[in-house]
C-alpha atoms as a PDB file:
ATOM      1  CA  MET A   1     -39.571 -53.275  49.198  1.00  0.00           C
ATOM      2  CA  SER A   2     -37.478 -50.315  48.135  1.00  0.00           C
ATOM      3  CA  ARG A   3     -33.767 -49.642  47.956  1.00  0.00           C
ATOM      4  CA  ARG A   4     -31.767 -46.493  47.443  1.00  0.00           C
ATOM      5  CA  HIS A   5     -29.214 -46.298  44.653  1.00  0.00           C
ATOM      6  CA  ASP A   6     -26.577 -43.720  43.834  1.00  0.00           C
ATOM      7  CA  ARG A   7     -26.898 -42.222  40.331  1.00  0.00           C
ATOM      8  CA  GLY A   8     -23.180 -41.451  40.243  1.00  0.00           C
ATOM      9  CA  ASN A   9     -23.594 -37.694  40.707  1.00  0.00           C
ATOM     10  CA  GLY A  10     -24.205 -37.906  44.439  1.00  0.00           C
ATOM     11  CA  ALA A  11     -27.994 -37.936  44.064  1.00  0.00           C
ATOM     12  CA  ARG A  12     -29.735 -40.882  45.677  1.00  0.00           C
ATOM     13  CA  VAL A  13     -32.746 -42.415  43.935  1.00  0.00           C
ATOM     14  CA  ARG A  14     -35.356 -44.730  45.398  1.00  0.00           C
ATOM     15  CA  VAL A  15     -35.887 -47.888  43.396  1.00  0.00           C
ATOM     16  CA  CYS A  16     -39.117 -49.782  44.083  1.00  0.00           C
ATOM     17  CA  VAL A  17     -38.902 -53.519  43.738  1.00  0.00           C
ATOM     18  CA  SER A  18     -42.069 -55.580  43.298  1.00  0.00           C
ATOM     19  CA  ASP A  19     -42.286 -59.112  41.931  1.00  0.00           C
ATOM     20  CA  GLY A  20     -38.660 -58.924  40.817  1.00  0.00           C
ATOM     21  CA  ALA A  21     -39.226 -55.906  38.533  1.00  0.00           C
ATOM     22  CA  GLU A  22     -37.505 -52.624  39.323  1.00  0.00           C
ATOM     23  CA  VAL A  23     -39.250 -49.305  38.734  1.00  0.00           C
ATOM     24  CA  THR A  24     -36.835 -46.385  38.863  1.00  0.00           C
ATOM     25  CA  ASP A  25     -39.345 -43.631  38.048  1.00  0.00           C
ATOM     26  CA  PRO A  26     -42.585 -44.492  39.838  1.00  0.00           C
ATOM     27  CA  GLU A  27     -45.755 -42.724  38.708  1.00  0.00           C
ATOM     28  CA  PHE A  28     -46.484 -41.627  42.284  1.00  0.00           C
ATOM     29  CA  LEU A  29     -43.990 -40.173  44.744  1.00  0.00           C
ATOM     30  CA  THR A  30     -44.049 -40.174  48.534  1.00  0.00           C
ATOM     31  CA  LEU A  31     -43.744 -37.079  50.698  1.00  0.00           C
ATOM     32  CA  ALA A  32     -40.103 -37.998  51.337  1.00  0.00           C
ATOM     33  CA  ASP A  33     -39.470 -38.422  47.590  1.00  0.00           C
ATOM     34  CA  VAL A  34     -40.833 -34.937  46.845  1.00  0.00           C
ATOM     35  CA  ALA A  35     -38.837 -33.424  49.717  1.00  0.00           C
ATOM     36  CA  LEU A  36     -35.694 -35.060  48.306  1.00  0.00           C
ATOM     37  CA  LEU A  37     -36.508 -33.876  44.789  1.00  0.00           C
ATOM     38  CA  LEU A  38     -37.034 -30.280  45.945  1.00  0.00           C
ATOM     39  CA  ARG A  39     -34.232 -30.495  48.537  1.00  0.00           C
ATOM     40  CA  VAL A  40     -36.474 -29.242  51.318  1.00  0.00           C
ATOM     41  CA  SER A  41     -37.935 -30.741  54.486  1.00  0.00           C
ATOM     42  CA  LYS A  42     -41.165 -32.738  54.609  1.00  0.00           C
ATOM     43  CA  PRO A  43     -42.952 -29.934  56.545  1.00  0.00           C
ATOM     44  CA  THR A  44     -41.951 -27.522  53.756  1.00  0.00           C
ATOM     45  CA  VAL A  45     -43.555 -29.832  51.179  1.00  0.00           C
ATOM     46  CA  LYS A  46     -46.747 -29.922  53.274  1.00  0.00           C
ATOM     47  CA  ARG A  47     -46.780 -26.110  53.390  1.00  0.00           C
ATOM     48  CA  ALA A  48     -46.327 -26.006  49.597  1.00  0.00           C
ATOM     49  CA  VAL A  49     -49.429 -28.201  49.291  1.00  0.00           C
ATOM     50  CA  GLU A  50     -51.445 -25.964  51.620  1.00  0.00           C
ATOM     51  CA  LYS A  51     -50.254 -22.515  50.538  1.00  0.00           C
ATOM     52  CA  GLN A  52     -48.723 -22.815  47.055  1.00  0.00           C
ATOM     53  CA  GLY A  53     -50.979 -25.323  45.344  1.00  0.00           C
ATOM     54  CA  LEU A  54     -48.609 -28.293  45.050  1.00  0.00           C
ATOM     55  CA  PRO A  55     -50.984 -31.081  43.899  1.00  0.00           C
ATOM     56  CA  ALA A  56     -51.161 -34.005  46.330  1.00  0.00           C
ATOM     57  CA  LEU A  57     -53.303 -36.947  47.341  1.00  0.00           C
ATOM     58  CA  ARG A  58     -53.802 -37.460  51.046  1.00  0.00           C
ATOM     59  CA  LEU A  59     -54.684 -41.100  51.576  1.00  0.00           C
ATOM     60  CA  GLY A  60     -54.810 -41.081  55.354  1.00  0.00           C
ATOM     61  CA  GLU A  61     -53.620 -39.130  58.331  1.00  0.00           C
ATOM     62  CA  ARG A  62     -49.953 -39.704  57.503  1.00  0.00           C
ATOM     63  CA  VAL A  63     -49.963 -41.037  53.924  1.00  0.00           C
ATOM     64  CA  TRP A  64     -49.304 -38.618  51.059  1.00  0.00           C
ATOM     65  CA  ARG A  65     -48.789 -39.381  47.375  1.00  0.00           C
ATOM     66  CA  PHE A  66     -47.813 -37.035  44.577  1.00  0.00           C
ATOM     67  CA  SER A  67     -48.168 -37.604  40.853  1.00  0.00           C
ATOM     68  CA  ARG A  68     -44.706 -37.300  39.315  1.00  0.00           C
ATOM     69  CA  VAL A  69     -46.193 -35.543  36.264  1.00  0.00           C
ATOM     70  CA  ASP A  70     -48.107 -33.041  38.433  1.00  0.00           C
ATOM     71  CA  VAL A  71     -45.057 -32.282  40.588  1.00  0.00           C
ATOM     72  CA  GLU A  72     -42.864 -31.738  37.521  1.00  0.00           C
ATOM     73  CA  ALA A  73     -45.520 -29.445  35.972  1.00  0.00           C
ATOM     74  CA  TRP A  74     -45.802 -27.505  39.254  1.00  0.00           C
ATOM     75  CA  ILE A  75     -42.020 -27.040  39.345  1.00  0.00           C
ATOM     76  CA  ALA A  76     -41.916 -25.959  35.685  1.00  0.00           C
ATOM     77  CA  GLU A  77     -44.713 -23.420  36.250  1.00  0.00           C
ATOM     78  CA  ARG A  78     -42.876 -21.900  39.209  1.00  0.00           C
ATOM     79  CA  THR A  79     -39.512 -21.744  37.424  1.00  0.00           C
ATOM     80  CA  LYS A  80     -40.711 -20.283  34.089  1.00  0.00           C
ATOM     81  CA  GLY A  81     -39.536 -16.766  34.807  1.00  0.00           C
ATOM     82  CA  ALA A  82     -36.476 -17.786  36.808  1.00  0.00           C
ATOM     83  CA  ALA A  83     -34.320 -18.695  33.792  1.00  0.00           C
END
């Protein structure tokens, strides 16, 4: 089961609940999580996987998972020269 919580700054965060323990920063993100993180649509995330090398695991026809560490590294690599 998962719930969404407000961080106080308007950003919503998914909290996964399993066996009574809450995990606020899961190791793997869903397609929707990455879209929310990047503030883009899910089709845009899929295009980033196909054309821009965003690392992803495709576990079925409609199931995508993204390593949080890999996504953060991909973002950092693309924003190096932007600062």
